[in-house]
Amino acid sequence: MVQIDTKSIILTAATIVTILTLILPSLSIDGFSQTLQIPDFESNSNIDKSEIIMNNTQPELTAKIQLVPHENEYLDDYYQVSNFAFVLSNSSQLCSSGNCEYELEGGTMQAERISGERSLTGRITIDTGDSKNMIELHASWKTVEETEKNGENVKVIKGVLDLGTSQFNPENKYQINGTLTKQGENYLLVVKGIK
């Protein structure tokens, strides 16, 4: 006969409740305390840095990406980037000058294989003025809430955005949150991230 030690179960439950009680009040509602503003679309994302708080001390990013159905008709439920804006804060080692231009090549949002989960891949070029760095971009997220706003389906998302020379071992990892909004046949992805 199996004997259950109820004292250890009660102690474990009490420990978990205590930890959650201490942690949960310090979390913000949206999961992050962001200071970057979402930029307007610009073809090369050369955004006026006066729109961003310049003396930010945490490495942060913000991105706004327009996605359209993939041009390859056989890639059902795949989307490609049609327009984007991307900004890294001045404290980022990837753009320490705070005056970088960004290009995104081959940006593709993959099909939703598991309900509520998606990913975006591509190669981003960061032009610092002195040099150009080409790095891999990989973002993956899960839908944590779904709402209807102004007749559009809005998914609140949380996940990870990786930037680095290797997709499998990126040097820069950001925790992201944001929205993925269905606009007719297209999507609008808006994310903020913190290292």
N, C-alpha and C. Protein backbone atom coordinates (compact mmCIF):
# COMPACT_ATOMS: atom_id res chain seq x y z
N MET A 1 0.83 -1.17 0.00
CA MET A 1 0.00 0.00 0.00
C MET A 1 0.89 1.25 0.00
N VAL A 2 0.51 2.24 -0.82
CA VAL A 2 1.27 3.48 -0.91
C VAL A 2 0.81 4.43 0.17
N GLN A 3 1.78 5.02 0.85
CA GLN A 3 1.47 5.95 1.93
C GLN A 3 1.87 7.36 1.49
N ILE A 4 0.96 8.30 1.62
CA ILE A 4 1.19 9.68 1.18
C ILE A 4 1.54 10.53 2.39
N ASP A 5 2.62 11.29 2.26
CA ASP A 5 3.06 12.18 3.33
C ASP A 5 2.35 13.53 3.14
N THR A 6 1.26 13.74 3.85
CA THR A 6 0.46 14.96 3.68
C THR A 6 1.18 16.19 4.20
N LYS A 7 2.09 16.04 5.16
CA LYS A 7 2.83 17.20 5.68
C LYS A 7 3.68 17.83 4.59
N SER A 8 4.35 17.02 3.76
CA SER A 8 5.20 17.58 2.70
C SER A 8 4.36 18.22 1.60
N ILE A 9 3.20 17.66 1.33
CA ILE A 9 2.32 18.26 0.32
C ILE A 9 1.82 19.61 0.80
N ILE A 10 1.41 19.69 2.04
CA ILE A 10 0.91 20.96 2.60
C ILE A 10 2.04 21.99 2.65
N LEU A 11 3.24 21.57 3.04
CA LEU A 11 4.38 22.48 3.10
C LEU A 11 4.74 23.00 1.71
N THR A 12 4.72 22.13 0.70
CA THR A 12 5.00 22.54 -0.68
C THR A 12 3.95 23.52 -1.18
N ALA A 13 2.70 23.25 -0.94
CA ALA A 13 1.63 24.16 -1.37
C ALA A 13 1.76 25.51 -0.68
N ALA A 14 2.06 25.51 0.61
CA ALA A 14 2.22 26.77 1.35
C ALA A 14 3.41 27.57 0.82
N THR A 15 4.49 26.89 0.45
CA THR A 15 5.66 27.56 -0.10
C THR A 15 5.33 28.22 -1.44
N ILE A 16 4.62 27.51 -2.30
CA ILE A 16 4.25 28.05 -3.61
C ILE A 16 3.34 29.27 -3.44
N VAL A 17 2.36 29.20 -2.56
CA VAL A 17 1.46 30.33 -2.32
C VAL A 17 2.25 31.53 -1.81
N THR A 18 3.20 31.31 -0.92
CA THR A 18 4.01 32.41 -0.38
C THR A 18 4.84 33.06 -1.48
N ILE A 19 5.46 32.26 -2.32
CA ILE A 19 6.28 32.80 -3.41
C ILE A 19 5.41 33.61 -4.37
N LEU A 20 4.27 33.08 -4.76
CA LEU A 20 3.38 33.80 -5.67
C LEU A 20 2.88 35.10 -5.05
N THR A 21 2.60 35.09 -3.76
CA THR A 21 2.14 36.30 -3.07
C THR A 21 3.20 37.38 -3.10
N LEU A 22 4.46 36.99 -3.02
CA LEU A 22 5.55 37.96 -3.04
C LEU A 22 5.86 38.46 -4.44
N ILE A 23 5.73 37.60 -5.44
CA ILE A 23 6.11 37.95 -6.81
C ILE A 23 5.02 38.69 -7.57
N LEU A 24 3.79 38.21 -7.52
CA LEU A 24 2.72 38.75 -8.37
C LEU A 24 2.47 40.24 -8.21
N PRO A 25 2.48 40.83 -7.00
CA PRO A 25 2.23 42.28 -6.93
C PRO A 25 3.26 43.12 -7.64
N SER A 26 4.50 42.60 -7.85
CA SER A 26 5.53 43.41 -8.48
C SER A 26 5.48 43.35 -10.00
N LEU A 27 4.67 42.47 -10.58
CA LEU A 27 4.57 42.37 -12.03
C LEU A 27 3.62 43.43 -12.56
N SER A 28 3.97 44.01 -13.70
CA SER A 28 3.06 44.97 -14.32
C SER A 28 2.02 44.20 -15.12
N ILE A 29 0.95 44.87 -15.47
CA ILE A 29 -0.16 44.20 -16.15
C ILE A 29 0.26 43.62 -17.49
N ASP A 30 1.02 44.36 -18.27
CA ASP A 30 1.38 43.86 -19.59
C ASP A 30 2.69 43.08 -19.58
N GLY A 31 3.30 42.91 -18.43
CA GLY A 31 4.48 42.08 -18.32
C GLY A 31 5.79 42.83 -18.45
N PHE A 32 5.77 44.04 -18.96
CA PHE A 32 6.99 44.79 -19.14
C PHE A 32 6.77 46.26 -18.83
N SER A 33 7.82 46.92 -18.49
CA SER A 33 7.78 48.36 -18.27
C SER A 33 8.55 49.01 -19.41
N GLN A 34 7.89 49.30 -20.48
CA GLN A 34 8.54 49.79 -21.68
C GLN A 34 8.54 51.31 -21.75
N THR A 35 9.62 51.87 -22.34
CA THR A 35 9.68 53.30 -22.53
C THR A 35 9.81 53.69 -24.00
N LEU A 36 10.10 52.75 -24.87
CA LEU A 36 10.20 53.06 -26.29
C LEU A 36 8.82 53.24 -26.89
N GLN A 37 8.71 54.13 -27.84
CA GLN A 37 7.45 54.33 -28.53
C GLN A 37 7.47 53.52 -29.82
N ILE A 38 6.30 53.04 -30.23
CA ILE A 38 6.21 52.31 -31.50
C ILE A 38 6.37 53.33 -32.63
N PRO A 39 7.34 53.12 -33.51
CA PRO A 39 7.57 54.07 -34.58
C PRO A 39 6.57 53.92 -35.71
N ASP A 40 6.45 54.97 -36.51
CA ASP A 40 5.65 54.90 -37.72
C ASP A 40 6.45 54.13 -38.76
N PHE A 41 5.75 53.53 -39.73
CA PHE A 41 6.44 52.83 -40.80
C PHE A 41 7.27 53.80 -41.60
N GLU A 42 8.47 53.39 -41.92
CA GLU A 42 9.32 54.11 -42.85
C GLU A 42 10.06 53.05 -43.64
N SER A 43 10.30 53.30 -44.91
CA SER A 43 10.84 52.26 -45.77
C SER A 43 12.15 51.67 -45.27
N ASN A 44 13.03 52.48 -44.75
CA ASN A 44 14.31 51.95 -44.28
C ASN A 44 14.41 52.03 -42.77
N SER A 45 13.32 52.40 -42.12
CA SER A 45 13.27 52.49 -40.68
C SER A 45 14.33 53.44 -40.12
N ASN A 46 14.64 54.49 -40.83
CA ASN A 46 15.57 55.50 -40.34
C ASN A 46 14.75 56.49 -39.52
N ILE A 47 14.51 56.14 -38.27
CA ILE A 47 13.56 56.85 -37.44
C ILE A 47 14.26 57.93 -36.63
N ASP A 48 13.62 59.07 -36.56
CA ASP A 48 14.14 60.18 -35.78
C ASP A 48 14.22 59.76 -34.32
N LYS A 49 15.42 59.74 -33.77
CA LYS A 49 15.62 59.25 -32.41
C LYS A 49 15.05 60.20 -31.36
N SER A 50 14.61 61.39 -31.75
CA SER A 50 13.99 62.29 -30.77
C SER A 50 12.65 61.73 -30.31
N GLU A 51 12.10 60.75 -31.07
CA GLU A 51 10.85 60.12 -30.67
C GLU A 51 11.06 59.16 -29.50
N ILE A 52 12.31 58.81 -29.23
CA ILE A 52 12.62 57.78 -28.24
C ILE A 52 13.31 58.44 -27.05
N ILE A 53 13.05 57.94 -25.89
CA ILE A 53 13.75 58.45 -24.71
C ILE A 53 15.22 58.08 -24.86
N MET A 54 16.08 59.07 -24.93
CA MET A 54 17.48 58.86 -25.28
C MET A 54 18.33 58.26 -24.17
N ASN A 55 18.04 58.55 -22.93
CA ASN A 55 18.89 58.10 -21.84
C ASN A 55 18.38 56.82 -21.20
N ASN A 56 17.87 55.94 -21.99
CA ASN A 56 17.36 54.68 -21.48
C ASN A 56 18.54 53.79 -21.12
N THR A 57 18.51 53.14 -19.95
CA THR A 57 19.64 52.34 -19.50
C THR A 57 19.46 50.85 -19.75
N GLN A 58 18.27 50.39 -20.08
CA GLN A 58 18.05 48.98 -20.34
C GLN A 58 18.02 48.73 -21.85
N PRO A 59 18.68 47.66 -22.30
CA PRO A 59 18.60 47.34 -23.74
C PRO A 59 17.17 46.96 -24.11
N GLU A 60 16.55 47.76 -24.94
CA GLU A 60 15.17 47.52 -25.35
C GLU A 60 15.05 47.63 -26.85
N LEU A 61 13.97 47.07 -27.37
CA LEU A 61 13.68 47.21 -28.79
C LEU A 61 12.19 47.39 -28.96
N THR A 62 11.83 47.92 -30.10
CA THR A 62 10.44 48.02 -30.49
C THR A 62 10.37 47.78 -31.99
N ALA A 63 9.31 47.12 -32.42
CA ALA A 63 9.16 46.80 -33.85
C ALA A 63 7.69 46.85 -34.23
N LYS A 64 7.46 47.26 -35.46
CA LYS A 64 6.13 47.29 -36.05
C LYS A 64 6.28 46.69 -37.44
N ILE A 65 5.60 45.57 -37.69
CA ILE A 65 5.83 44.81 -38.92
C ILE A 65 4.49 44.50 -39.60
N GLN A 66 4.37 44.90 -40.86
CA GLN A 66 3.20 44.61 -41.68
C GLN A 66 3.48 43.32 -42.45
N LEU A 67 2.55 42.36 -42.38
CA LEU A 67 2.71 41.06 -43.04
C LEU A 67 1.58 40.83 -44.03
N VAL A 68 1.93 40.31 -45.19
CA VAL A 68 0.94 40.00 -46.23
C VAL A 68 1.07 38.52 -46.57
N PRO A 69 0.02 37.90 -47.17
CA PRO A 69 0.14 36.49 -47.55
C PRO A 69 1.37 36.25 -48.41
N HIS A 70 2.05 35.14 -48.16
CA HIS A 70 3.30 34.82 -48.87
C HIS A 70 3.04 34.72 -50.37
N GLU A 71 4.00 35.22 -51.15
CA GLU A 71 3.84 35.20 -52.61
C GLU A 71 3.84 33.80 -53.19
N ASN A 72 4.44 32.83 -52.47
CA ASN A 72 4.41 31.43 -52.91
C ASN A 72 3.06 30.84 -52.49
N GLU A 73 2.19 30.61 -53.44
CA GLU A 73 0.82 30.16 -53.15
C GLU A 73 0.77 28.81 -52.45
N TYR A 74 1.87 28.04 -52.51
CA TYR A 74 1.90 26.73 -51.85
C TYR A 74 2.23 26.83 -50.36
N LEU A 75 2.65 27.99 -49.93
CA LEU A 75 2.93 28.20 -48.51
C LEU A 75 1.68 28.76 -47.84
N ASP A 76 0.72 27.88 -47.63
CA ASP A 76 -0.55 28.26 -47.02
C ASP A 76 -0.33 28.70 -45.58
N ASP A 77 -0.93 29.80 -45.18
CA ASP A 77 -0.84 30.37 -43.83
C ASP A 77 0.55 30.89 -43.50
N TYR A 78 1.39 31.13 -44.52
CA TYR A 78 2.68 31.80 -44.34
C TYR A 78 2.50 33.25 -44.78
N TYR A 79 3.22 34.15 -44.11
CA TYR A 79 3.12 35.58 -44.42
C TYR A 79 4.53 36.13 -44.57
N GLN A 80 4.66 37.13 -45.45
CA GLN A 80 5.96 37.78 -45.63
C GLN A 80 5.86 39.24 -45.25
N VAL A 81 7.00 39.79 -44.84
CA VAL A 81 7.06 41.18 -44.40
C VAL A 81 6.90 42.09 -45.62
N SER A 82 5.95 43.03 -45.52
CA SER A 82 5.79 44.01 -46.60
C SER A 82 6.29 45.38 -46.18
N ASN A 83 6.32 45.65 -44.89
CA ASN A 83 6.79 46.93 -44.38
C ASN A 83 7.18 46.73 -42.93
N PHE A 84 8.13 47.50 -42.46
CA PHE A 84 8.55 47.35 -41.07
C PHE A 84 9.21 48.61 -40.56
N ALA A 85 9.23 48.71 -39.24
CA ALA A 85 10.01 49.72 -38.53
C ALA A 85 10.60 49.01 -37.33
N PHE A 86 11.86 49.31 -37.04
CA PHE A 86 12.58 48.61 -36.00
C PHE A 86 13.50 49.61 -35.32
N VAL A 87 13.53 49.60 -33.98
CA VAL A 87 14.38 50.52 -33.24
C VAL A 87 14.99 49.79 -32.06
N LEU A 88 16.28 50.01 -31.84
CA LEU A 88 16.97 49.55 -30.64
C LEU A 88 17.31 50.78 -29.80
N SER A 89 17.27 50.64 -28.49
CA SER A 89 17.60 51.77 -27.62
C SER A 89 19.10 52.05 -27.68
N ASN A 90 19.48 53.22 -27.20
CA ASN A 90 20.89 53.63 -27.21
C ASN A 90 21.76 52.71 -26.37
N SER A 91 21.19 52.06 -25.38
CA SER A 91 22.00 51.20 -24.51
C SER A 91 22.29 49.84 -25.15
N SER A 92 21.73 49.58 -26.32
CA SER A 92 21.97 48.30 -27.00
C SER A 92 23.37 48.28 -27.59
N GLN A 93 24.09 47.19 -27.41
CA GLN A 93 25.41 47.05 -28.01
C GLN A 93 25.34 46.93 -29.53
N LEU A 94 24.17 46.59 -30.06
CA LEU A 94 24.02 46.46 -31.51
C LEU A 94 23.90 47.81 -32.21
N CYS A 95 23.49 48.84 -31.48
CA CYS A 95 23.38 50.18 -32.06
C CYS A 95 23.71 51.19 -30.97
N SER A 96 24.96 51.23 -30.56
CA SER A 96 25.35 52.11 -29.46
C SER A 96 25.33 53.58 -29.84
N SER A 97 25.39 53.89 -31.15
CA SER A 97 25.35 55.28 -31.59
C SER A 97 23.95 55.87 -31.47
N GLY A 98 22.94 55.00 -31.46
CA GLY A 98 21.56 55.47 -31.40
C GLY A 98 21.08 56.05 -32.72
N ASN A 99 21.88 55.92 -33.77
CA ASN A 99 21.54 56.51 -35.06
C ASN A 99 21.71 55.46 -36.16
N CYS A 100 21.07 54.32 -36.01
CA CYS A 100 21.23 53.22 -36.96
C CYS A 100 20.07 53.16 -37.94
N GLU A 101 20.35 52.56 -39.08
CA GLU A 101 19.31 52.25 -40.05
C GLU A 101 19.20 50.74 -40.11
N TYR A 102 17.96 50.25 -40.35
CA TYR A 102 17.71 48.82 -40.31
C TYR A 102 17.05 48.36 -41.61
N GLU A 103 17.47 47.20 -42.09
CA GLU A 103 16.84 46.56 -43.23
C GLU A 103 16.51 45.13 -42.83
N LEU A 104 15.37 44.64 -43.26
CA LEU A 104 14.96 43.27 -42.96
C LEU A 104 14.79 42.52 -44.27
N GLU A 105 15.54 41.43 -44.43
CA GLU A 105 15.47 40.62 -45.65
C GLU A 105 14.84 39.27 -45.33
N GLY A 106 14.00 38.80 -46.24
CA GLY A 106 13.43 37.46 -46.11
C GLY A 106 12.57 37.27 -44.89
N GLY A 107 11.96 38.31 -44.40
CA GLY A 107 11.11 38.20 -43.22
C GLY A 107 9.87 37.37 -43.50
N THR A 108 9.72 36.26 -42.78
CA THR A 108 8.59 35.34 -43.00
C THR A 108 7.98 34.92 -41.67
N MET A 109 6.65 35.08 -41.56
CA MET A 109 5.93 34.53 -40.42
C MET A 109 5.41 33.17 -40.84
N GLN A 110 5.79 32.16 -40.09
CA GLN A 110 5.43 30.79 -40.45
C GLN A 110 4.01 30.45 -40.05
N ALA A 111 3.52 29.36 -40.60
CA ALA A 111 2.16 28.90 -40.35
C ALA A 111 1.97 28.57 -38.87
N GLU A 112 0.74 28.67 -38.44
CA GLU A 112 0.38 28.37 -37.05
C GLU A 112 0.21 26.86 -36.93
N ARG A 113 1.30 26.17 -36.57
CA ARG A 113 1.26 24.71 -36.44
C ARG A 113 0.55 24.26 -35.17
N ILE A 114 0.76 25.00 -34.08
CA ILE A 114 0.07 24.77 -32.82
C ILE A 114 -0.80 25.99 -32.60
N SER A 115 -2.04 25.78 -32.25
CA SER A 115 -2.98 26.89 -32.09
C SER A 115 -2.42 27.97 -31.17
N GLY A 116 -2.38 29.21 -31.68
CA GLY A 116 -1.93 30.35 -30.89
C GLY A 116 -0.43 30.57 -30.88
N GLU A 117 0.34 29.73 -31.58
CA GLU A 117 1.79 29.88 -31.61
C GLU A 117 2.27 30.19 -33.03
N ARG A 118 3.15 31.16 -33.13
CA ARG A 118 3.72 31.56 -34.43
C ARG A 118 5.19 31.90 -34.24
N SER A 119 5.88 32.05 -35.38
CA SER A 119 7.27 32.50 -35.34
C SER A 119 7.56 33.36 -36.57
N LEU A 120 8.57 34.19 -36.44
CA LEU A 120 8.99 35.09 -37.51
C LEU A 120 10.50 34.96 -37.65
N THR A 121 10.99 34.80 -38.87
CA THR A 121 12.43 34.71 -39.11
C THR A 121 12.82 35.66 -40.22
N GLY A 122 14.08 36.01 -40.25
CA GLY A 122 14.61 36.87 -41.30
C GLY A 122 16.03 37.25 -40.97
N ARG A 123 16.61 38.08 -41.81
CA ARG A 123 17.97 38.58 -41.58
C ARG A 123 17.89 40.10 -41.53
N ILE A 124 18.39 40.65 -40.43
CA ILE A 124 18.35 42.09 -40.27
C ILE A 124 19.75 42.67 -40.45
N THR A 125 19.83 43.77 -41.20
CA THR A 125 21.08 44.49 -41.37
C THR A 125 21.00 45.76 -40.55
N ILE A 126 22.00 45.95 -39.69
CA ILE A 126 22.06 47.14 -38.85
C ILE A 126 23.21 48.00 -39.37
N ASP A 127 22.86 49.15 -39.94
CA ASP A 127 23.85 50.07 -40.48
C ASP A 127 24.13 51.14 -39.43
N THR A 128 25.33 51.09 -38.84
CA THR A 128 25.70 52.05 -37.78
C THR A 128 26.27 53.33 -38.35
N GLY A 129 26.48 53.37 -39.66
CA GLY A 129 27.14 54.52 -40.28
C GLY A 129 28.59 54.18 -40.58
N ASP A 130 29.25 53.51 -39.64
CA ASP A 130 30.64 53.07 -39.83
C ASP A 130 30.72 51.67 -40.40
N SER A 131 29.73 50.84 -40.08
CA SER A 131 29.74 49.45 -40.54
C SER A 131 28.32 48.92 -40.65
N LYS A 132 28.20 47.79 -41.33
CA LYS A 132 26.92 47.11 -41.43
C LYS A 132 27.06 45.72 -40.82
N ASN A 133 26.16 45.39 -39.91
CA ASN A 133 26.15 44.07 -39.28
C ASN A 133 24.93 43.32 -39.74
N MET A 134 25.15 42.13 -40.30
CA MET A 134 24.04 41.29 -40.73
C MET A 134 23.87 40.18 -39.69
N ILE A 135 22.67 40.12 -39.10
CA ILE A 135 22.42 39.13 -38.07
C ILE A 135 21.06 38.47 -38.29
N GLU A 136 20.94 37.28 -37.75
CA GLU A 136 19.69 36.52 -37.87
C GLU A 136 18.68 37.02 -36.84
N LEU A 137 17.43 37.07 -37.25
CA LEU A 137 16.33 37.44 -36.37
C LEU A 137 15.39 36.25 -36.29
N HIS A 138 15.04 35.86 -35.09
CA HIS A 138 14.06 34.79 -34.89
C HIS A 138 13.19 35.16 -33.71
N ALA A 139 11.91 35.24 -33.94
CA ALA A 139 10.95 35.54 -32.87
C ALA A 139 9.92 34.42 -32.81
N SER A 140 9.57 34.03 -31.62
CA SER A 140 8.50 33.05 -31.45
C SER A 140 7.63 33.51 -30.29
N TRP A 141 6.32 33.26 -30.40
CA TRP A 141 5.41 33.74 -29.38
C TRP A 141 4.19 32.86 -29.27
N LYS A 142 3.48 33.08 -28.16
CA LYS A 142 2.21 32.41 -27.90
C LYS A 142 1.15 33.48 -27.68
N THR A 143 -0.07 33.17 -28.09
CA THR A 143 -1.19 34.06 -27.82
C THR A 143 -1.63 33.83 -26.38
N VAL A 144 -1.72 34.93 -25.60
CA VAL A 144 -2.14 34.81 -24.21
C VAL A 144 -3.55 35.36 -23.99
N GLU A 145 -4.05 36.11 -24.97
CA GLU A 145 -5.40 36.67 -24.90
C GLU A 145 -5.84 37.03 -26.31
N GLU A 146 -7.12 36.92 -26.57
CA GLU A 146 -7.65 37.26 -27.88
C GLU A 146 -8.88 38.14 -27.69
N THR A 147 -8.92 39.27 -28.42
CA THR A 147 -10.04 40.20 -28.30
C THR A 147 -10.46 40.68 -29.68
N GLU A 148 -11.59 41.33 -29.71
CA GLU A 148 -12.10 41.97 -30.93
C GLU A 148 -12.04 43.47 -30.68
N LYS A 149 -11.37 44.22 -31.57
CA LYS A 149 -11.24 45.67 -31.40
C LYS A 149 -11.46 46.34 -32.75
N ASN A 150 -12.44 47.21 -32.81
CA ASN A 150 -12.78 47.91 -34.05
C ASN A 150 -13.00 46.95 -35.21
N GLY A 151 -13.62 45.81 -34.93
CA GLY A 151 -13.92 44.83 -35.96
C GLY A 151 -12.73 43.98 -36.37
N GLU A 152 -11.59 44.14 -35.70
CA GLU A 152 -10.40 43.37 -36.03
C GLU A 152 -10.08 42.40 -34.90
N ASN A 153 -9.57 41.23 -35.27
CA ASN A 153 -9.16 40.23 -34.30
C ASN A 153 -7.77 40.59 -33.81
N VAL A 154 -7.63 40.83 -32.48
CA VAL A 154 -6.36 41.21 -31.89
C VAL A 154 -5.91 40.12 -30.93
N LYS A 155 -4.72 39.59 -31.17
CA LYS A 155 -4.13 38.59 -30.27
C LYS A 155 -3.03 39.26 -29.46
N VAL A 156 -3.15 39.17 -28.14
CA VAL A 156 -2.09 39.65 -27.26
C VAL A 156 -1.07 38.52 -27.15
N ILE A 157 0.20 38.86 -27.42
CA ILE A 157 1.23 37.82 -27.50
C ILE A 157 2.37 38.07 -26.53
N LYS A 158 3.05 36.99 -26.15
CA LYS A 158 4.27 37.05 -25.35
C LYS A 158 5.21 35.99 -25.88
N GLY A 159 6.50 36.31 -25.89
CA GLY A 159 7.46 35.35 -26.39
C GLY A 159 8.89 35.84 -26.29
N VAL A 160 9.70 35.42 -27.26
CA VAL A 160 11.14 35.71 -27.26
C VAL A 160 11.54 36.16 -28.66
N LEU A 161 12.41 37.16 -28.74
CA LEU A 161 13.00 37.59 -30.00
C LEU A 161 14.51 37.48 -29.84
N ASP A 162 15.14 36.70 -30.73
CA ASP A 162 16.58 36.48 -30.70
C ASP A 162 17.24 37.19 -31.86
N LEU A 163 18.38 37.84 -31.59
CA LEU A 163 19.19 38.47 -32.61
C LEU A 163 20.63 37.98 -32.44
N GLY A 164 21.22 37.49 -33.53
CA GLY A 164 22.60 37.04 -33.42
C GLY A 164 23.12 36.46 -34.71
N THR A 165 24.42 36.15 -34.71
CA THR A 165 25.04 35.60 -35.91
C THR A 165 24.59 34.17 -36.15
N SER A 166 24.15 33.48 -35.09
CA SER A 166 23.65 32.12 -35.22
C SER A 166 22.22 32.07 -34.70
N GLN A 167 21.34 31.49 -35.48
CA GLN A 167 19.94 31.37 -35.07
C GLN A 167 19.82 30.43 -33.87
N PHE A 168 20.75 29.49 -33.74
CA PHE A 168 20.66 28.49 -32.69
C PHE A 168 21.37 28.90 -31.41
N ASN A 169 22.23 29.91 -31.47
CA ASN A 169 22.92 30.39 -30.28
C ASN A 169 23.07 31.91 -30.37
N PRO A 170 21.94 32.64 -30.32
CA PRO A 170 21.99 34.09 -30.51
C PRO A 170 22.65 34.80 -29.32
N GLU A 171 23.31 35.90 -29.61
CA GLU A 171 23.97 36.68 -28.56
C GLU A 171 23.00 37.61 -27.83
N ASN A 172 21.89 37.94 -28.44
CA ASN A 172 20.94 38.90 -27.86
C ASN A 172 19.55 38.29 -27.81
N LYS A 173 19.03 38.16 -26.60
CA LYS A 173 17.69 37.60 -26.40
C LYS A 173 16.81 38.64 -25.72
N TYR A 174 15.64 38.85 -26.27
CA TYR A 174 14.69 39.81 -25.73
C TYR A 174 13.39 39.10 -25.37
N GLN A 175 12.85 39.41 -24.21
CA GLN A 175 11.50 38.97 -23.87
C GLN A 175 10.56 39.98 -24.51
N ILE A 176 9.62 39.51 -25.30
CA ILE A 176 8.74 40.43 -26.02
C ILE A 176 7.28 40.24 -25.59
N ASN A 177 6.55 41.32 -25.74
CA ASN A 177 5.09 41.27 -25.64
C ASN A 177 4.55 42.23 -26.67
N GLY A 178 3.29 42.04 -27.04
CA GLY A 178 2.72 42.91 -28.05
C GLY A 178 1.40 42.39 -28.57
N THR A 179 1.11 42.73 -29.82
CA THR A 179 -0.15 42.31 -30.43
C THR A 179 0.09 41.83 -31.86
N LEU A 180 -0.75 40.92 -32.28
CA LEU A 180 -0.80 40.45 -33.66
C LEU A 180 -2.24 40.66 -34.10
N THR A 181 -2.45 41.62 -35.01
CA THR A 181 -3.79 42.02 -35.40
C THR A 181 -4.07 41.60 -36.84
N LYS A 182 -5.17 40.90 -37.03
CA LYS A 182 -5.61 40.49 -38.38
C LYS A 182 -6.33 41.66 -39.02
N GLN A 183 -5.85 42.08 -40.19
CA GLN A 183 -6.44 43.20 -40.92
C GLN A 183 -6.78 42.73 -42.33
N GLY A 184 -8.00 42.20 -42.49
CA GLY A 184 -8.37 41.60 -43.77
C GLY A 184 -7.56 40.34 -43.98
N GLU A 185 -6.79 40.28 -45.08
CA GLU A 185 -5.91 39.13 -45.33
C GLU A 185 -4.54 39.31 -44.71
N ASN A 186 -4.25 40.50 -44.20
CA ASN A 186 -2.93 40.84 -43.69
C ASN A 186 -2.88 40.78 -42.16
N TYR A 187 -1.65 40.90 -41.64
CA TYR A 187 -1.44 40.99 -40.19
C TYR A 187 -0.57 42.20 -39.89
N LEU A 188 -0.75 42.76 -38.70
CA LEU A 188 0.12 43.79 -38.17
C LEU A 188 0.68 43.26 -36.86
N LEU A 189 2.01 43.15 -36.78
CA LEU A 189 2.69 42.67 -35.59
C LEU A 189 3.37 43.86 -34.93
N VAL A 190 3.05 44.10 -33.67
CA VAL A 190 3.66 45.20 -32.91
C VAL A 190 4.22 44.58 -31.64
N VAL A 191 5.55 44.73 -31.44
CA VAL A 191 6.16 44.14 -30.25
C VAL A 191 7.11 45.13 -29.57
N LYS A 192 7.25 44.96 -28.27
CA LYS A 192 8.26 45.65 -27.47
C LYS A 192 9.05 44.56 -26.76
N GLY A 193 10.33 44.81 -26.56
CA GLY A 193 11.16 43.80 -25.92
C GLY A 193 12.14 44.38 -24.94
N ILE A 194 12.48 43.56 -23.98
CA ILE A 194 13.49 43.96 -22.99
C ILE A 194 14.42 42.79 -22.78
N LYS A 195 15.71 43.11 -22.65
CA LYS A 195 16.74 42.09 -22.51
C LYS A 195 16.72 41.47 -21.14
